Amino acid sequence: MQDALFSGLFGALTTEHRMNIIANNLANVNTHGYKRDTLAFKDTMASYAHDEIREPLMNLRSAPLFPEPKNMARPRVAVSRLDFSQGSMQFTGDPLDVAITGENAFFQVNTPNGEYLTRNGHFVLSSDGTVMSPQGYPLQGTGGNIVIPPGTRNVLISGDGQVIADGAVVNQISLVNVDEPQNLEKMGHNLFRPRENVQVAQGDAYLTGARLEQGFTEAANVEVLTEMVNMIEVQRQFEAYQKVMQTADTLDRAANEKIGRRQG
């Protein structure tokens, strides 16, 4: 019964981990540019000693010395993946709100820990006119920080990132293309950076067809209905694994009692 108990325990821990991811996705359904997390599973083969033995037979009628090979597959969590699919466009009318069209393109912001990437296109102005993220990280342009001159009345942002203040181009929003987004990791505040010891090739996203839409923000790519269905499924799975563990424990207790009676 130990195998059943451990299988139920692992299944319960896995569903708990999956529930945490679903809850985090739902909590960020209103976060601009949020990318949902998903879980991937794989089968692992449990091998036994006789699985690797192929004894020679004297003739066709000889009985095998060892049982037939039997590999047992058990699912394991393989990796947590990010879904970088495009979110829907939400109109805000704010001239500093910019949405990216293109899945592998990112804004660059300068943080105390270096430059990070983000899909959150909701920006604000600092007291000196620097365009910044809500957390206070300057948005990067091809000429460094993007600064809007004092007294500017009209700010336009073109599809190729040109920032135009009262008819004068002041900078161009830097838009980075990433060759393999799965090599990025979340750092909090809707920021991404390359995983440790992983080389991520970056290029000009405008050259690959990415564009900006002023006055819009990209919504989170989280489908509330889908995540709620997944949550119900995980709850049912957790209950099933609990019953497996309870049943295994009951059978173990009954077996121990019978053995104790016979020995007595």
Protein backbone atom coordinates (compact mmCIF):
# COMPACT_ATOMS: atom_id res chain seq x y z
CA MET A 1 0.00 0.00 0.00
CA GLN A 2 3.00 2.30 0.27
CA ASP A 3 2.96 2.97 -3.49
CA ALA A 4 -0.68 4.03 -3.35
CA LEU A 5 -0.02 6.30 -0.37
CA PHE A 6 2.98 7.97 -1.99
CA SER A 7 1.17 8.33 -5.34
CA GLY A 8 -1.75 10.02 -3.59
CA LEU A 9 0.61 12.30 -1.64
CA PHE A 10 2.50 13.34 -4.76
CA GLY A 11 -0.75 13.92 -6.63
CA ALA A 12 -2.07 16.12 -3.83
CA LEU A 13 1.14 18.18 -3.72
CA THR A 14 1.05 18.57 -7.51
CA THR A 15 -2.56 19.78 -7.49
CA GLU A 16 -1.69 22.22 -4.71
CA HIS A 17 1.11 23.64 -6.86
CA ARG A 18 -1.23 23.88 -9.83
CA MET A 19 -3.87 25.61 -7.70
CA ASN A 20 -1.33 28.26 -6.65
CA ILE A 21 -0.56 28.99 -10.31
CA ILE A 22 -4.26 29.23 -11.23
CA ALA A 23 -4.90 31.55 -8.27
CA ASN A 24 -2.00 33.78 -9.33
CA ASN A 25 -3.33 33.95 -12.89
CA LEU A 26 -6.78 34.98 -11.64
CA ALA A 27 -5.28 37.56 -9.28
CA ASN A 28 -3.55 39.24 -12.25
CA VAL A 29 -6.49 39.22 -14.64
CA ASN A 30 -6.55 43.05 -14.55
CA THR A 31 -2.77 43.50 -14.75
CA HIS A 32 -1.69 45.19 -17.98
CA GLY A 33 0.39 42.89 -20.19
CA TYR A 34 0.38 39.99 -17.72
CA LYS A 35 1.34 36.59 -19.17
CA ARG A 36 -0.26 33.54 -17.61
CA ASP A 37 1.69 30.62 -16.16
CA THR A 38 1.01 27.04 -17.18
CA LEU A 39 2.25 23.64 -16.00
CA ALA A 40 3.61 20.90 -18.22
CA PHE A 41 3.75 17.24 -17.20
CA LYS A 42 5.82 14.27 -18.34
CA ASP A 43 5.91 10.52 -17.72
CA THR A 44 8.79 8.98 -15.82
CA MET A 45 9.44 5.26 -16.19
CA ALA A 46 10.07 3.33 -12.97
CA SER A 47 12.30 0.37 -13.84
CA TYR A 48 13.02 -2.77 -11.83
CA ALA A 49 16.03 -5.08 -11.92
CA HIS A 50 14.31 -7.79 -13.96
CA ASP A 51 13.34 -5.17 -16.58
CA GLU A 52 16.95 -5.07 -17.73
CA ILE A 53 17.66 -8.82 -17.70
CA ARG A 54 17.31 -10.84 -20.88
CA GLU A 55 18.30 -14.37 -19.90
CA PRO A 56 19.15 -16.89 -22.68
CA LEU A 57 16.67 -19.76 -23.22
CA MET A 58 17.83 -23.27 -23.99
CA ASN A 59 14.88 -23.94 -26.31
CA LEU A 60 11.50 -22.53 -27.23
CA ARG A 61 9.76 -24.51 -24.50
CA SER A 62 12.06 -23.38 -21.71
CA ALA A 63 10.32 -21.51 -18.93
CA PRO A 64 11.72 -17.99 -18.35
CA LEU A 65 13.66 -17.56 -15.15
CA PHE A 66 12.53 -13.98 -14.56
CA PRO A 67 9.14 -12.28 -14.88
CA GLU A 68 8.30 -10.34 -17.99
CA PRO A 69 9.66 -6.75 -18.10
CA LYS A 70 7.19 -4.24 -16.74
CA ASN A 71 7.91 -0.52 -16.77
CA MET A 72 5.59 1.67 -14.72
CA ALA A 73 4.92 5.24 -15.83
CA ARG A 74 4.26 7.92 -13.25
CA PRO A 75 3.51 11.52 -14.16
CA ARG A 76 5.75 14.26 -12.86
CA VAL A 77 5.71 18.04 -13.17
CA ALA A 78 8.15 18.79 -15.97
CA VAL A 79 8.34 22.57 -16.07
CA SER A 80 6.34 25.72 -15.51
CA ARG A 81 5.91 27.57 -18.80
CA LEU A 82 4.85 31.11 -19.66
CA ASP A 83 2.10 31.71 -22.17
CA PHE A 84 3.26 34.68 -24.27
CA SER A 85 0.20 34.78 -26.52
CA GLN A 86 -1.13 38.24 -27.39
CA GLY A 87 -3.64 39.76 -24.99
CA SER A 88 -6.61 41.82 -26.13
CA MET A 89 -6.39 45.59 -26.69
CA GLN A 90 -8.13 47.87 -24.20
CA PHE A 91 -8.78 51.48 -25.12
CA THR A 92 -7.85 54.02 -22.44
CA GLY A 93 -7.33 57.24 -24.41
CA ASP A 94 -4.28 58.09 -22.27
CA PRO A 95 -1.47 59.35 -24.56
CA LEU A 96 1.13 57.58 -22.41
CA ASP A 97 -0.60 54.21 -22.66
CA VAL A 98 0.96 52.09 -25.42
CA ALA A 99 0.13 48.51 -26.44
CA ILE A 100 2.46 46.20 -28.35
CA THR A 101 1.20 44.18 -31.31
CA GLY A 102 3.55 41.21 -31.63
CA GLU A 103 4.09 38.31 -29.21
CA ASN A 104 7.89 38.35 -28.88
CA ALA A 105 8.34 42.11 -28.41
CA PHE A 106 8.99 43.86 -25.09
CA PHE A 107 9.55 47.33 -23.65
CA GLN A 108 12.80 48.00 -21.82
CA VAL A 109 12.85 49.71 -18.43
CA ASN A 110 15.88 50.69 -16.37
CA THR A 111 15.81 49.39 -12.79
CA PRO A 112 18.41 49.56 -9.98
CA ASN A 113 19.28 45.95 -10.91
CA GLY A 114 19.75 46.66 -14.61
CA GLU A 115 17.48 46.72 -17.66
CA TYR A 116 14.41 44.48 -17.52
CA LEU A 117 11.74 43.69 -20.08
CA THR A 118 8.00 44.18 -19.73
CA ARG A 119 4.78 44.03 -21.72
CA ASN A 120 3.04 46.54 -19.46
CA GLY A 121 2.49 49.62 -21.62
CA HIS A 122 0.89 51.80 -18.94
CA PHE A 123 3.35 54.65 -18.32
CA VAL A 124 3.34 57.86 -16.29
CA LEU A 125 5.37 61.08 -16.18
CA SER A 126 7.75 61.91 -13.35
CA SER A 127 8.16 65.44 -12.01
CA ASP A 128 10.98 66.12 -14.50
CA GLY A 129 9.04 64.72 -17.48
CA THR A 130 10.66 61.26 -17.63
CA VAL A 131 8.34 58.55 -18.95
CA MET A 132 8.28 55.82 -16.30
CA SER A 133 6.56 52.58 -15.35
CA PRO A 134 4.11 52.72 -12.40
CA GLN A 135 6.93 51.39 -10.20
CA GLY A 136 9.16 54.36 -11.14
CA TYR A 137 11.44 52.64 -13.68
CA PRO A 138 12.34 54.87 -16.69
CA LEU A 139 11.18 53.63 -20.09
CA GLN A 140 14.12 53.20 -22.41
CA GLY A 141 14.39 54.70 -25.87
CA THR A 142 17.06 54.48 -28.53
CA GLY A 143 18.58 57.60 -26.96
CA GLY A 144 18.26 56.55 -23.32
CA ASN A 145 15.52 57.75 -20.97
CA ILE A 146 12.52 59.28 -22.71
CA VAL A 147 11.92 62.80 -21.42
CA ILE A 148 8.95 64.96 -22.39
CA PRO A 149 9.87 68.69 -22.37
CA PRO A 150 8.08 70.83 -19.74
CA GLY A 151 4.95 72.56 -21.00
CA THR A 152 4.28 70.00 -23.76
CA ARG A 153 0.62 69.99 -24.67
CA ASN A 154 0.41 67.19 -27.21
CA VAL A 155 2.29 63.87 -27.15
CA LEU A 156 2.04 61.50 -30.09
CA ILE A 157 3.55 58.01 -30.30
CA SER A 158 3.74 56.53 -33.77
CA GLY A 159 3.55 52.86 -34.68
CA ASP A 160 7.34 52.66 -34.97
CA GLY A 161 7.84 54.16 -31.51
CA GLN A 162 8.61 57.78 -32.42
CA VAL A 163 7.76 60.02 -29.46
CA ILE A 164 6.61 63.40 -30.77
CA ALA A 165 6.13 66.30 -28.37
CA ASP A 166 4.31 69.29 -29.89
CA GLY A 167 5.48 68.27 -33.37
CA ALA A 168 9.13 67.59 -32.45
CA VAL A 169 10.61 64.08 -32.22
CA VAL A 170 12.26 63.68 -28.81
CA ASN A 171 13.11 59.97 -28.84
CA GLN A 172 12.04 56.52 -30.07
CA ILE A 173 10.70 53.86 -27.73
CA SER A 174 13.05 50.88 -27.70
CA LEU A 175 11.19 47.68 -28.58
CA VAL A 176 13.17 44.47 -28.08
CA ASN A 177 12.53 41.22 -29.90
CA VAL A 178 13.42 37.99 -28.01
CA ASP A 179 14.29 34.87 -30.00
CA GLU A 180 13.10 32.43 -27.30
CA PRO A 181 10.69 33.95 -24.74
CA GLN A 182 10.67 30.72 -22.69
CA ASN A 183 14.23 31.59 -21.64
CA LEU A 184 12.82 34.57 -19.72
CA GLU A 185 11.78 34.46 -16.08
CA LYS A 186 9.41 36.63 -14.07
CA MET A 187 10.97 39.03 -11.58
CA GLY A 188 7.84 40.57 -10.06
CA HIS A 189 6.09 43.84 -10.98
CA ASN A 190 5.36 42.30 -14.42
CA LEU A 191 9.06 42.37 -15.33
CA PHE A 192 11.14 39.74 -17.14
CA ARG A 193 14.82 39.00 -17.48
CA PRO A 194 16.87 36.17 -19.08
CA ARG A 195 17.26 33.10 -16.88
CA GLU A 196 20.59 32.67 -15.15
CA ASN A 197 23.34 31.23 -17.38
CA VAL A 198 21.06 31.42 -20.44
CA GLN A 199 21.94 33.50 -23.49
CA VAL A 200 18.90 35.28 -24.98
CA ALA A 201 19.34 36.88 -28.39
CA GLN A 202 17.67 40.29 -28.62
CA GLY A 203 16.98 42.40 -31.67
CA ASP A 204 14.95 45.29 -33.00
CA ALA A 205 11.30 44.22 -32.78
CA TYR A 206 10.22 46.84 -35.30
CA LEU A 207 12.17 44.94 -37.97
CA THR A 208 10.12 41.80 -37.29
CA GLY A 209 6.76 43.57 -37.68
CA ALA A 210 6.00 44.66 -34.10
CA ARG A 211 4.08 47.93 -33.77
CA LEU A 212 2.75 50.22 -31.05
CA GLU A 213 -0.80 51.43 -30.54
CA GLN A 214 -1.11 54.70 -28.59
CA GLY A 215 -4.05 55.09 -26.23
CA PHE A 216 -4.37 51.33 -25.68
CA THR A 217 -3.04 48.84 -23.15
CA GLU A 218 -2.63 45.11 -23.60
CA ALA A 219 -4.89 43.12 -21.29
CA ALA A 220 -3.73 40.00 -19.45
CA ASN A 221 -4.00 36.88 -21.61
CA VAL A 222 -5.97 35.15 -18.84
CA GLU A 223 -9.37 33.64 -19.66
CA VAL A 224 -11.34 33.83 -16.42
CA LEU A 225 -13.81 31.10 -17.42
CA THR A 226 -11.01 28.70 -18.40
CA GLU A 227 -9.11 29.31 -15.16
CA MET A 228 -12.28 28.81 -13.08
CA VAL A 229 -12.95 25.48 -14.83
CA ASN A 230 -9.33 24.50 -14.16
CA MET A 231 -9.76 25.44 -10.50
CA ILE A 232 -12.82 23.21 -10.14
CA GLU A 233 -10.96 20.37 -11.85
CA VAL A 234 -8.00 20.74 -9.47
CA GLN A 235 -10.29 20.77 -6.43
CA ARG A 236 -11.91 17.51 -7.56
CA GLN A 237 -8.50 15.97 -8.20
CA PHE A 238 -7.27 16.97 -4.73
CA GLU A 239 -10.34 15.35 -3.15
CA ALA A 240 -9.71 12.16 -5.15
CA TYR A 241 -6.08 12.01 -4.01
CA GLN A 242 -7.20 12.49 -0.41
CA LYS A 243 -9.49 9.47 -0.75
CA VAL A 244 -6.60 7.44 -2.21
CA MET A 245 -4.42 8.24 0.80
CA GLN A 246 -7.25 7.56 3.25
CA THR A 247 -8.05 4.22 1.62
CA ALA A 248 -4.38 3.19 1.57
CA ASP A 249 -4.05 4.10 5.23
CA THR A 250 -7.17 2.12 6.13
CA LEU A 251 -5.90 -0.98 4.31
CA ASP A 252 -2.49 -0.67 5.96
CA ARG A 253 -4.09 -0.50 9.40
CA ALA A 254 -6.31 -3.50 8.66
CA ALA A 255 -3.32 -5.53 7.43
CA ASN A 256 -1.28 -4.65 10.52
CA GLU A 257 -4.14 -5.68 12.81
CA LYS A 258 -4.54 -9.05 11.08
CA ILE A 259 -0.80 -9.73 11.24
CA GLY A 260 -0.76 -8.81 14.91
CA ARG A 261 -3.66 -11.18 15.69
CA ARG A 262 -2.00 -14.10 13.92
CA GLN A 263 1.30 -13.54 15.69
CA GLY A 264 -0.51 -13.31 18.99
